[in-house]
Amino acid sequence: MTSRDHLSKSIVRGCLQGIPLALAFYGVLASVAVQPAQAQTFTILHLFTGAGDGGQPTAGLTMDEAGNLYGTASSGGYTAGPCTGGCGVVFKLTHKSSGWIFEPLYTFHGPDGDNPEARVIFGPDGALYGTTIFGGPEDEGIVFRLAPSAHICAHVSCPWTETVLHSFGGGGDGEYPTPGDLTFDRAGNIYGTTQDGGSYGSGSVYELSPSNGSWAENILYSFQGSSGDGLSPTAGVIFDDAGSLYGTTFLGGFNDAGTVYELTHSGSGWTETILHHFSTSSGSYGPHGGLVFDSSGNLYGTTLYAGGGTAYELATSNGVWMFSVLYAFSATAGSFASATLDGAGNLYGTLHFGNQEVFRLTQSNGQWTLTGFNGGPGTFPYGNVILDAAGNLYTTASAGCGPGAGCVFEITP
């Protein structure tokens, strides 16, 4: 942790006080099984020092077509001025022969961003886009773009150029962008969420559109945090083929245990529909991560709490979304991250607690089987898992990994 505690974790610790962290699991689950951890190779690709290379990576990774990795470290880097524990770093890991070369692409200094907890993604123009929870004129977070220098660089390490696309100002503007991914539409507009702010102070979904050389913000929806609406989204949004947006809120809903929601666009704006209200008595609540579609249009996600987190599915039946728990993790394991779906329909993710920090869920004849991959010495993974073409898994750990401040690691099944 930095001296300025990560906001998403403060929500977990603060807002869930009074909600029991262990519940008796209910007996309406699909058949589940556990497969022992198989032979695997764990490789640390970079061990953070907490200094100029950054520290405590809390987001997952992005891979380019050449197999290089890009990510964020939430602390470290520049440690003067407002950056007491370091304002964070965006980095690249280049795959060279049998090794990896680490390169800091950008170091935040406070006004230009502070505490990147979301991963960076590639935009349509090939640049990297992301958010920081703090920083900007009001210290309430920014959306940024990073691009390589337009000039020839004579150095081995060449910093990229940052452009701040939007600085959040609080109130109706939204504040503290979530650790979830940004999303682009086909026209190049950016979509994301904030944990606080909006018209009711309970979080928002926003759009950023290019406008006369800058970017204009439009708040699509402000969560009310009451009357069954969602509260405090900690994940981004995704599109379906019809242009509707889907996401989760960590709290709110009828039971104040989180929701899955849909935003549908019409001529008068965006209309919210709650697809599922989580419940502390249902064995599954606290969806911190976002959603992923399969090829049939079903939604998958994970939760952080219910005697241990769960993996769940939302499938449509005659126009009605039906919720089911696919797998209940151990009583000490929960997931902060969004799940990843491969082409065979297997789900991958990370578990913040427990001994097997990376998991795969495989379905066969209606039964979901868990394969756990021990993350070696790494602990406390918050980010998602990505796969390369060979099926190797990549993610980050915010602590552990030896005498360092977290690491990037690879698991070869």
Protein backbone atom coordinates (compact mmCIF):
# COMPACT_ATOMS: atom_id res chain seq x y z
CA MET A 1 0.00 0.00 0.00
CA THR A 2 1.10 3.55 -0.64
CA SER A 3 0.65 6.32 1.90
CA ARG A 4 -2.51 7.19 0.00
CA ASP A 5 -4.44 3.94 0.30
CA HIS A 6 -5.94 2.61 -2.93
CA LEU A 7 -9.50 3.83 -3.20
CA SER A 8 -10.95 0.54 -4.45
CA LYS A 9 -9.62 -1.20 -1.36
CA SER A 10 -10.94 1.53 0.90
CA ILE A 11 -14.38 0.88 -0.56
CA VAL A 12 -14.00 -2.80 0.27
CA ARG A 13 -12.88 -2.09 3.81
CA GLY A 14 -15.11 0.88 4.55
CA CYS A 15 -18.38 0.30 2.75
CA LEU A 16 -18.59 -3.38 3.64
CA GLN A 17 -18.21 -2.90 7.36
CA GLY A 18 -21.11 -4.68 8.92
CA ILE A 19 -21.48 -7.12 6.01
CA PRO A 20 -20.32 -10.58 7.10
CA LEU A 21 -17.28 -11.85 5.22
CA ALA A 22 -18.17 -15.49 5.63
CA LEU A 23 -21.56 -17.01 4.89
CA ALA A 24 -22.86 -20.54 4.84
CA PHE A 25 -22.98 -21.54 1.19
CA TYR A 26 -26.38 -22.34 -0.22
CA GLY A 27 -27.20 -25.54 -2.06
CA VAL A 28 -28.35 -24.42 -5.51
CA LEU A 29 -25.03 -24.54 -7.32
CA ALA A 30 -24.18 -26.38 -10.48
CA SER A 31 -22.10 -29.50 -9.96
CA VAL A 32 -18.49 -28.52 -9.28
CA ALA A 33 -15.20 -30.31 -8.92
CA VAL A 34 -11.62 -29.49 -8.04
CA GLN A 35 -8.69 -30.67 -10.09
CA PRO A 36 -5.32 -30.78 -8.34
CA ALA A 37 -2.77 -28.22 -9.45
CA GLN A 38 -0.94 -29.59 -12.45
CA ALA A 39 2.73 -29.41 -13.37
CA GLN A 40 3.58 -25.84 -14.26
CA THR A 41 6.43 -23.40 -14.67
CA PHE A 42 6.32 -20.13 -12.76
CA THR A 43 8.60 -17.37 -14.08
CA ILE A 44 9.03 -13.86 -12.72
CA LEU A 45 9.41 -11.54 -15.71
CA HIS A 46 10.09 -8.42 -13.63
CA LEU A 47 10.54 -7.85 -9.91
CA PHE A 48 9.59 -4.29 -8.96
CA THR A 49 11.83 -2.37 -6.58
CA GLY A 50 9.39 0.40 -5.63
CA ALA A 51 11.86 2.96 -6.99
CA GLY A 52 12.10 4.28 -10.55
CA ASP A 53 10.56 1.16 -12.04
CA GLY A 54 7.43 1.50 -9.87
CA GLY A 55 5.87 -0.80 -7.34
CA GLN A 56 2.69 -2.60 -6.30
CA PRO A 57 1.07 -3.37 -9.66
CA THR A 58 -2.65 -3.77 -9.05
CA ALA A 59 -3.86 -4.06 -12.65
CA GLY A 60 -3.53 -6.77 -15.26
CA LEU A 61 -1.58 -6.59 -18.50
CA THR A 62 -2.14 -5.85 -22.18
CA MET A 63 -0.30 -7.69 -24.97
CA ASP A 64 0.53 -6.34 -28.43
CA GLU A 65 0.74 -8.39 -31.63
CA ALA A 66 4.45 -9.00 -31.10
CA GLY A 67 3.83 -10.53 -27.66
CA ASN A 68 5.16 -7.57 -25.67
CA LEU A 69 3.44 -6.73 -22.37
CA TYR A 70 2.22 -3.35 -21.11
CA GLY A 71 1.02 -2.51 -17.63
CA THR A 72 0.90 -0.08 -14.73
CA ALA A 73 2.52 0.07 -11.30
CA SER A 74 0.31 1.95 -8.85
CA SER A 75 3.17 3.38 -6.77
CA GLY A 76 6.88 4.12 -7.07
CA GLY A 77 8.46 6.20 -9.78
CA TYR A 78 8.57 9.91 -8.90
CA THR A 79 8.54 10.34 -5.11
CA ALA A 80 8.81 14.10 -4.57
CA GLY A 81 6.13 16.79 -4.20
CA PRO A 82 2.65 15.29 -3.93
CA CYS A 83 3.97 11.80 -4.71
CA THR A 84 5.05 10.74 -1.21
CA GLY A 85 4.96 7.03 -2.00
CA GLY A 86 5.39 7.49 -5.73
CA CYS A 87 2.65 8.39 -8.19
CA GLY A 88 3.08 5.30 -10.35
CA VAL A 89 4.53 4.16 -13.66
CA VAL A 90 3.37 2.80 -17.03
CA PHE A 91 5.78 0.12 -18.27
CA LYS A 92 6.57 -2.19 -21.17
CA LEU A 93 8.13 -5.65 -21.12
CA THR A 94 9.69 -6.54 -24.47
CA HIS A 95 10.17 -10.21 -25.31
CA LYS A 96 13.75 -10.70 -26.53
CA SER A 97 14.89 -14.25 -27.33
CA SER A 98 14.35 -16.15 -24.08
CA GLY A 99 14.21 -13.10 -21.82
CA TRP A 100 12.26 -9.94 -21.12
CA ILE A 101 13.48 -6.32 -21.10
CA PHE A 102 11.70 -3.90 -18.74
CA GLU A 103 11.21 -0.28 -19.82
CA PRO A 104 9.36 2.51 -17.97
CA LEU A 105 7.27 4.32 -20.58
CA TYR A 106 5.93 7.10 -18.37
CA THR A 107 6.28 8.24 -14.77
CA PHE A 108 3.44 10.21 -13.18
CA HIS A 109 4.16 13.35 -11.14
CA GLY A 110 0.78 14.18 -9.54
CA PRO A 111 -0.87 16.92 -11.63
CA ASP A 112 -0.50 14.65 -14.69
CA GLY A 113 -1.86 11.62 -12.84
CA ASP A 114 -1.40 9.70 -9.61
CA ASN A 115 -2.02 6.04 -8.71
CA PRO A 116 -2.86 4.10 -11.91
CA GLU A 117 -4.88 1.10 -10.77
CA ALA A 118 -6.41 0.26 -14.15
CA ARG A 119 -4.50 -1.46 -16.90
CA VAL A 120 -3.66 0.39 -20.11
CA ILE A 121 -5.35 -0.61 -23.36
CA PHE A 122 -4.62 0.11 -27.01
CA GLY A 123 -6.86 2.60 -28.77
CA PRO A 124 -7.78 2.59 -32.48
CA ASP A 125 -4.79 4.87 -33.16
CA GLY A 126 -2.28 2.45 -31.60
CA ALA A 127 -1.68 4.64 -28.53
CA LEU A 128 -2.15 3.48 -24.94
CA TYR A 129 -5.08 4.75 -22.88
CA GLY A 130 -5.75 4.48 -19.17
CA THR A 131 -6.79 6.21 -15.97
CA THR A 132 -5.34 7.22 -12.61
CA ILE A 133 -7.52 7.31 -9.52
CA PHE A 134 -5.96 10.53 -8.23
CA GLY A 135 -4.14 13.42 -9.87
CA GLY A 136 -5.24 16.31 -12.03
CA PRO A 137 -6.12 19.85 -10.89
CA GLU A 138 -8.73 18.62 -8.39
CA ASP A 139 -6.78 15.47 -7.46
CA GLU A 140 -9.82 13.36 -8.38
CA GLY A 141 -8.39 11.37 -11.26
CA ILE A 142 -7.66 11.63 -14.96
CA VAL A 143 -8.00 9.80 -18.28
CA PHE A 144 -4.75 9.79 -20.25
CA ARG A 145 -3.23 8.86 -23.62
CA LEU A 146 0.38 7.70 -24.09
CA ALA A 147 2.13 7.64 -27.44
CA PRO A 148 5.74 7.07 -28.53
CA SER A 149 7.78 10.14 -29.29
CA ALA A 150 7.36 11.42 -32.84
CA HIS A 151 11.10 12.04 -33.00
CA ILE A 152 13.91 9.52 -33.33
CA CYS A 153 15.14 8.45 -29.90
CA ALA A 154 18.85 7.86 -29.47
CA HIS A 155 18.53 6.26 -26.05
CA VAL A 156 17.83 2.67 -25.06
CA SER A 157 14.85 3.76 -22.95
CA CYS A 158 12.62 6.36 -24.58
CA PRO A 159 9.76 7.83 -22.53
CA TRP A 160 6.39 8.17 -24.21
CA THR A 161 4.40 11.39 -24.36
CA GLU A 162 1.31 11.81 -22.19
CA THR A 163 -1.82 13.75 -23.05
CA VAL A 164 -4.41 14.26 -20.32
CA LEU A 165 -7.77 13.77 -22.05
CA HIS A 166 -9.94 14.58 -19.04
CA SER A 167 -9.45 15.63 -15.44
CA PHE A 168 -12.32 14.79 -13.12
CA GLY A 169 -13.63 17.60 -10.96
CA GLY A 170 -16.06 15.85 -8.67
CA GLY A 171 -19.77 16.47 -8.26
CA GLY A 172 -21.79 15.83 -11.39
CA ASP A 173 -18.56 15.36 -13.38
CA GLY A 174 -17.70 12.13 -11.55
CA GLU A 175 -14.61 11.49 -9.45
CA TYR A 176 -12.06 8.73 -8.89
CA PRO A 177 -12.16 6.59 -12.05
CA THR A 178 -12.49 2.88 -11.33
CA PRO A 179 -9.78 0.21 -11.73
CA GLY A 180 -11.81 -1.23 -14.61
CA ASP A 181 -10.81 -1.10 -18.28
CA LEU A 182 -11.68 1.74 -20.61
CA THR A 183 -13.74 0.76 -23.67
CA PHE A 184 -13.81 2.22 -27.20
CA ASP A 185 -16.78 2.24 -29.57
CA ARG A 186 -16.42 2.00 -33.35
CA ALA A 187 -16.35 5.79 -33.70
CA GLY A 188 -13.36 6.10 -31.33
CA ASN A 189 -15.25 7.41 -28.30
CA ILE A 190 -14.06 6.27 -24.86
CA TYR A 191 -16.30 4.83 -22.14
CA GLY A 192 -15.51 4.31 -18.47
CA THR A 193 -16.84 4.53 -14.93
CA THR A 194 -16.13 6.50 -11.77
CA GLN A 195 -16.46 5.15 -8.25
CA ASP A 196 -17.88 8.37 -6.83
CA GLY A 197 -19.38 11.60 -8.08
CA GLY A 198 -22.14 11.88 -10.62
CA SER A 199 -25.43 13.58 -9.88
CA TYR A 200 -26.00 11.57 -6.70
CA GLY A 201 -22.43 11.03 -5.52
CA SER A 202 -22.68 7.27 -6.06
CA GLY A 203 -20.62 6.84 -9.22
CA SER A 204 -21.17 7.31 -12.92
CA VAL A 205 -20.74 5.94 -16.44
CA TYR A 206 -19.11 8.49 -18.76
CA GLU A 207 -18.21 8.96 -22.43
CA LEU A 208 -15.30 10.98 -23.83
CA SER A 209 -15.60 12.15 -27.44
CA PRO A 210 -13.01 13.94 -29.60
CA SER A 211 -14.03 17.58 -30.04
CA ASN A 212 -12.02 20.28 -31.82
CA GLY A 213 -8.66 18.90 -30.80
CA SER A 214 -9.71 18.05 -27.23
CA TRP A 215 -12.11 15.63 -25.59
CA ALA A 216 -15.63 16.39 -24.34
CA GLU A 217 -17.17 14.44 -21.46
CA ASN A 218 -20.77 13.28 -21.34
CA ILE A 219 -22.18 11.58 -18.25
CA LEU A 220 -24.34 8.75 -19.57
CA TYR A 221 -25.67 7.59 -16.22
CA SER A 222 -25.36 8.59 -12.57
CA PHE A 223 -25.99 5.86 -10.02
CA GLN A 224 -28.43 6.82 -7.29
CA GLY A 225 -27.35 4.34 -4.65
CA SER A 226 -30.96 3.99 -3.51
CA SER A 227 -34.29 2.53 -4.64
CA GLY A 228 -32.58 -0.62 -5.83
CA ASP A 229 -30.10 1.19 -8.09
CA GLY A 230 -26.39 0.39 -8.12
CA LEU A 231 -23.70 2.07 -6.03
CA SER A 232 -19.91 2.43 -6.42
CA PRO A 233 -18.96 0.66 -9.64
CA THR A 234 -15.42 -0.72 -9.49
CA ALA A 235 -15.38 -2.18 -13.03
CA GLY A 236 -15.64 -0.78 -16.52
CA VAL A 237 -18.34 -1.38 -19.12
CA ILE A 238 -18.52 -3.58 -22.24
CA PHE A 239 -20.64 -3.34 -25.41
CA ASP A 240 -22.94 -5.90 -26.97
CA ASP A 241 -23.51 -6.06 -30.74
CA ALA A 242 -26.54 -3.78 -30.45
CA GLY A 243 -24.56 -0.99 -28.75
CA SER A 244 -25.86 -1.48 -25.21
CA LEU A 245 -23.45 -1.22 -22.28
CA TYR A 246 -23.09 -3.76 -19.46
CA GLY A 247 -21.31 -3.52 -16.13
CA THR A 248 -21.39 -4.21 -12.40
CA THR A 249 -21.61 -2.16 -9.23
CA PHE A 250 -19.82 -3.37 -6.14
CA LEU A 251 -22.60 -2.19 -3.83
CA GLY A 252 -26.20 -1.06 -4.16
CA GLY A 253 -29.20 -2.95 -5.46
CA PHE A 254 -32.11 -4.15 -3.36
CA ASN A 255 -29.74 -5.88 -0.94
CA ASP A 256 -26.83 -3.42 -1.04
CA ALA A 257 -24.64 -6.31 -2.22
CA GLY A 258 -24.02 -5.21 -5.82
CA THR A 259 -25.71 -5.39 -9.20
CA VAL A 260 -25.28 -6.31 -12.85
CA TYR A 261 -26.75 -3.58 -15.05
CA GLU A 262 -27.45 -2.78 -18.69
CA LEU A 263 -27.55 0.71 -20.24
CA THR A 264 -29.59 0.99 -23.44
CA HIS A 265 -29.32 4.04 -25.69
CA SER A 266 -32.39 5.81 -26.98
CA GLY A 267 -33.14 9.22 -28.44
CA SER A 268 -33.57 10.71 -24.99
CA GLY A 269 -30.38 9.26 -23.47
CA TRP A 270 -29.43 6.04 -21.73
CA THR A 271 -31.84 3.89 -19.72
CA GLU A 272 -30.65 1.55 -16.98
CA THR A 273 -31.99 -1.96 -16.41
CA ILE A 274 -30.81 -4.02 -13.44
CA LEU A 275 -30.23 -7.58 -14.66
CA HIS A 276 -29.35 -9.03 -11.26
CA HIS A 277 -29.40 -7.93 -7.62
CA PHE A 278 -26.77 -9.76 -5.57
CA SER A 279 -27.61 -10.79 -2.01
CA THR A 280 -25.54 -11.50 1.07
CA SER A 281 -27.76 -14.51 1.74
CA SER A 282 -27.44 -16.00 -1.75
CA GLY A 283 -23.85 -17.20 -1.51
CA SER A 284 -22.60 -14.69 -4.08
CA TYR A 285 -22.11 -10.95 -3.63
CA GLY A 286 -19.69 -8.09 -4.09
CA PRO A 287 -18.92 -8.11 -7.85
CA HIS A 288 -15.68 -6.10 -7.96
CA GLY A 289 -14.64 -7.17 -11.47
CA GLY A 290 -16.41 -6.58 -14.74
CA LEU A 291 -18.13 -8.79 -17.29
CA VAL A 292 -17.23 -10.77 -20.41
CA PHE A 293 -19.48 -12.11 -23.19
CA ASP A 294 -19.22 -15.56 -24.72
CA SER A 295 -20.10 -16.27 -28.37
CA SER A 296 -23.72 -17.01 -27.41
CA GLY A 297 -24.23 -13.67 -25.67
CA ASN A 298 -24.05 -15.01 -22.12
CA LEU A 299 -22.32 -12.90 -19.48
CA TYR A 300 -19.68 -14.14 -17.04
CA GLY A 301 -18.16 -12.53 -13.97
CA THR A 302 -16.74 -13.10 -10.50
CA THR A 303 -17.52 -11.92 -6.99
CA LEU A 304 -15.32 -11.11 -4.04
CA TYR A 305 -17.52 -12.29 -1.18
CA ALA A 306 -19.81 -15.05 0.03
CA GLY A 307 -17.72 -17.23 2.28
CA GLY A 308 -15.25 -16.88 -0.58
CA GLY A 309 -15.89 -15.49 -4.04
CA THR A 310 -17.76 -17.11 -6.92
CA ALA A 311 -17.77 -17.31 -10.69
CA TYR A 312 -21.22 -16.70 -12.15
CA GLU A 313 -23.16 -16.64 -15.42
CA LEU A 314 -26.10 -14.60 -16.68
CA ALA A 315 -27.90 -16.24 -19.62
CA THR A 316 -31.05 -15.13 -21.40
CA SER A 317 -34.13 -17.33 -21.54
CA ASN A 318 -37.16 -15.97 -23.42
CA GLY A 319 -35.83 -12.46 -22.94
CA VAL A 320 -35.21 -12.92 -19.20
CA TRP A 321 -31.72 -12.95 -17.72
CA MET A 322 -31.18 -16.01 -15.52
CA PHE A 323 -28.41 -15.93 -12.90
CA SER A 324 -26.45 -18.99 -11.81
CA VAL A 325 -23.33 -19.61 -9.76
CA LEU A 326 -20.86 -21.70 -11.74
CA TYR A 327 -18.30 -22.24 -9.02
CA ALA A 328 -17.80 -21.28 -5.38
CA PHE A 329 -14.17 -20.71 -4.48
CA SER A 330 -12.74 -21.68 -1.12
CA ALA A 331 -13.83 -19.82 1.99
CA THR A 332 -10.65 -17.74 1.91
CA ALA A 333 -10.56 -16.90 -1.81
CA GLY A 334 -12.23 -14.07 -3.69
CA SER A 335 -11.60 -12.24 -6.94
CA PHE A 336 -11.09 -8.52 -7.51
CA ALA A 337 -10.50 -9.00 -11.25
CA SER A 338 -12.61 -9.52 -14.32
CA ALA A 339 -12.53 -13.03 -15.77
CA THR A 340 -10.94 -13.89 -19.11
CA LEU A 341 -12.63 -16.24 -21.58
CA ASP A 342 -10.59 -18.24 -24.10
CA GLY A 343 -11.78 -19.59 -27.44
CA ALA A 344 -12.69 -22.95 -25.92
CA GLY A 345 -15.00 -21.38 -23.34
CA ASN A 346 -12.67 -21.74 -20.36
CA LEU A 347 -12.67 -19.01 -17.72
CA TYR A 348 -9.44 -17.68 -16.21
CA GLY A 349 -8.93 -15.29 -13.34
CA THR A 350 -7.04 -14.41 -10.18
CA LEU A 351 -7.90 -15.02 -6.54
CA HIS A 352 -6.85 -12.39 -4.06
CA PHE A 353 -6.68 -14.80 -1.14
CA GLY A 354 -5.64 -18.41 -0.80
CA ASN A 355 -2.72 -20.46 -2.09
CA GLN A 356 -3.72 -20.76 -5.75
CA GLU A 357 -3.69 -17.23 -7.08
CA VAL A 358 -4.53 -18.06 -10.72
CA PHE A 359 -7.38 -20.34 -11.75
CA ARG A 360 -9.01 -21.91 -14.79
CA LEU A 361 -12.61 -23.12 -14.90
CA THR A 362 -13.41 -25.75 -17.54
CA GLN A 363 -16.89 -26.99 -18.36
CA SER A 364 -17.71 -30.56 -19.34
CA ASN A 365 -21.21 -32.07 -19.39
CA GLY A 366 -22.59 -29.27 -17.24
CA GLN A 367 -19.88 -29.61 -14.60
CA TRP A 368 -17.29 -26.90 -13.99
CA THR A 369 -13.85 -28.05 -12.88
CA LEU A 370 -11.36 -25.75 -11.21
CA THR A 371 -7.66 -26.01 -11.96
CA GLY A 372 -5.55 -23.90 -9.62
CA PHE A 373 -2.15 -22.58 -10.59
CA ASN A 374 0.03 -21.60 -7.66
CA GLY A 375 1.44 -18.15 -8.31
CA GLY A 376 4.78 -19.05 -6.76
CA PRO A 377 5.96 -16.41 -4.31
CA GLY A 378 3.62 -13.74 -5.65
CA THR A 379 0.69 -12.68 -3.47
CA PHE A 380 -2.34 -10.41 -3.69
CA PRO A 381 -3.11 -10.35 -7.42
CA TYR A 382 -5.77 -7.77 -8.26
CA GLY A 383 -5.53 -7.88 -12.06
CA ASN A 384 -6.94 -10.04 -14.81
CA VAL A 385 -5.16 -12.88 -16.60
CA ILE A 386 -4.17 -12.73 -20.28
CA LEU A 387 -3.09 -15.63 -22.50
CA ASP A 388 -0.69 -15.77 -25.41
CA ALA A 389 -1.14 -17.97 -28.50
CA ALA A 390 0.66 -20.85 -26.78
CA GLY A 391 -1.66 -20.80 -23.77
CA ASN A 392 0.81 -19.25 -21.33
CA LEU A 393 -0.76 -17.08 -18.61
CA TYR A 394 0.40 -13.60 -17.60
CA THR A 395 -0.60 -11.31 -14.76
CA THR A 396 0.81 -9.28 -11.86
CA ALA A 397 1.10 -9.63 -8.10
CA SER A 398 1.04 -6.52 -5.91
CA ALA A 399 3.28 -8.03 -3.21
CA GLY A 400 5.49 -10.98 -2.49
CA CYS A 401 7.66 -12.29 -5.34
CA GLY A 402 10.73 -12.07 -3.13
CA PRO A 403 12.35 -8.93 -1.71
CA GLY A 404 10.43 -6.55 -3.93
CA ALA A 405 7.31 -4.49 -4.41
CA GLY A 406 5.35 -6.94 -6.54
CA CYS A 407 6.07 -8.55 -9.88
CA VAL A 408 4.94 -9.49 -13.37
CA PHE A 409 4.87 -13.26 -13.80
CA GLU A 410 4.17 -15.98 -16.34
CA ILE A 411 2.70 -19.42 -15.75
CA THR A 412 3.30 -22.11 -18.35
CA PRO A 413 0.74 -24.88 -17.74
